[in-house]
Amino acid sequence: QVQLAESGGGLVQAGGSLRLSCAAAGRPFSRYPMGWFRQAPGKEREFVAAVSFSGGSTSYTDSVKGRFTISRDNAKNTVYLQMSSLKPEDTAVYYCAARTTNYTPTSYYTRTNEYDYWGQGTQVTVPS
């Protein structure tokens, strides 16, 4: 079992910044590729960013490239999503996810069905 808990969401004005954190408990966090996804009202959950378990490989959806940065601190069992230049279209519930099987040191994953464990989510609101 892996327990994931997101934090750091909130209301921020357009152009502002937030840092989301995802704390992991349970099985060895440092071995797992991690991802961030988001879901806006009435829309499907979508990929935002992913990182390999070593932290050396990352991927971003096009709409956040250059604005968001995913990172991890394996000693703290935490993965981060630094978000800057936020836009109203970034408004969503943000989820972190862990993949615990069948991966390589440099693998990252971008589909929801590629992850085994999910957090409860944290709300990010950017008013228009």
Foldseek 3Di string as FASTA:
>chain_A
DKAKAKDWADEDAAQAKIKIKIAIDDPQLLQWKKFKWWDDPPGDIFGAKIAFSPRPEMDGDPVQPPFWDWGDDSVRRMIMIIGGSDDQVVWTWMKMFIADDDDDRGDIDTDPVRTDDMYPTDTHGHDD
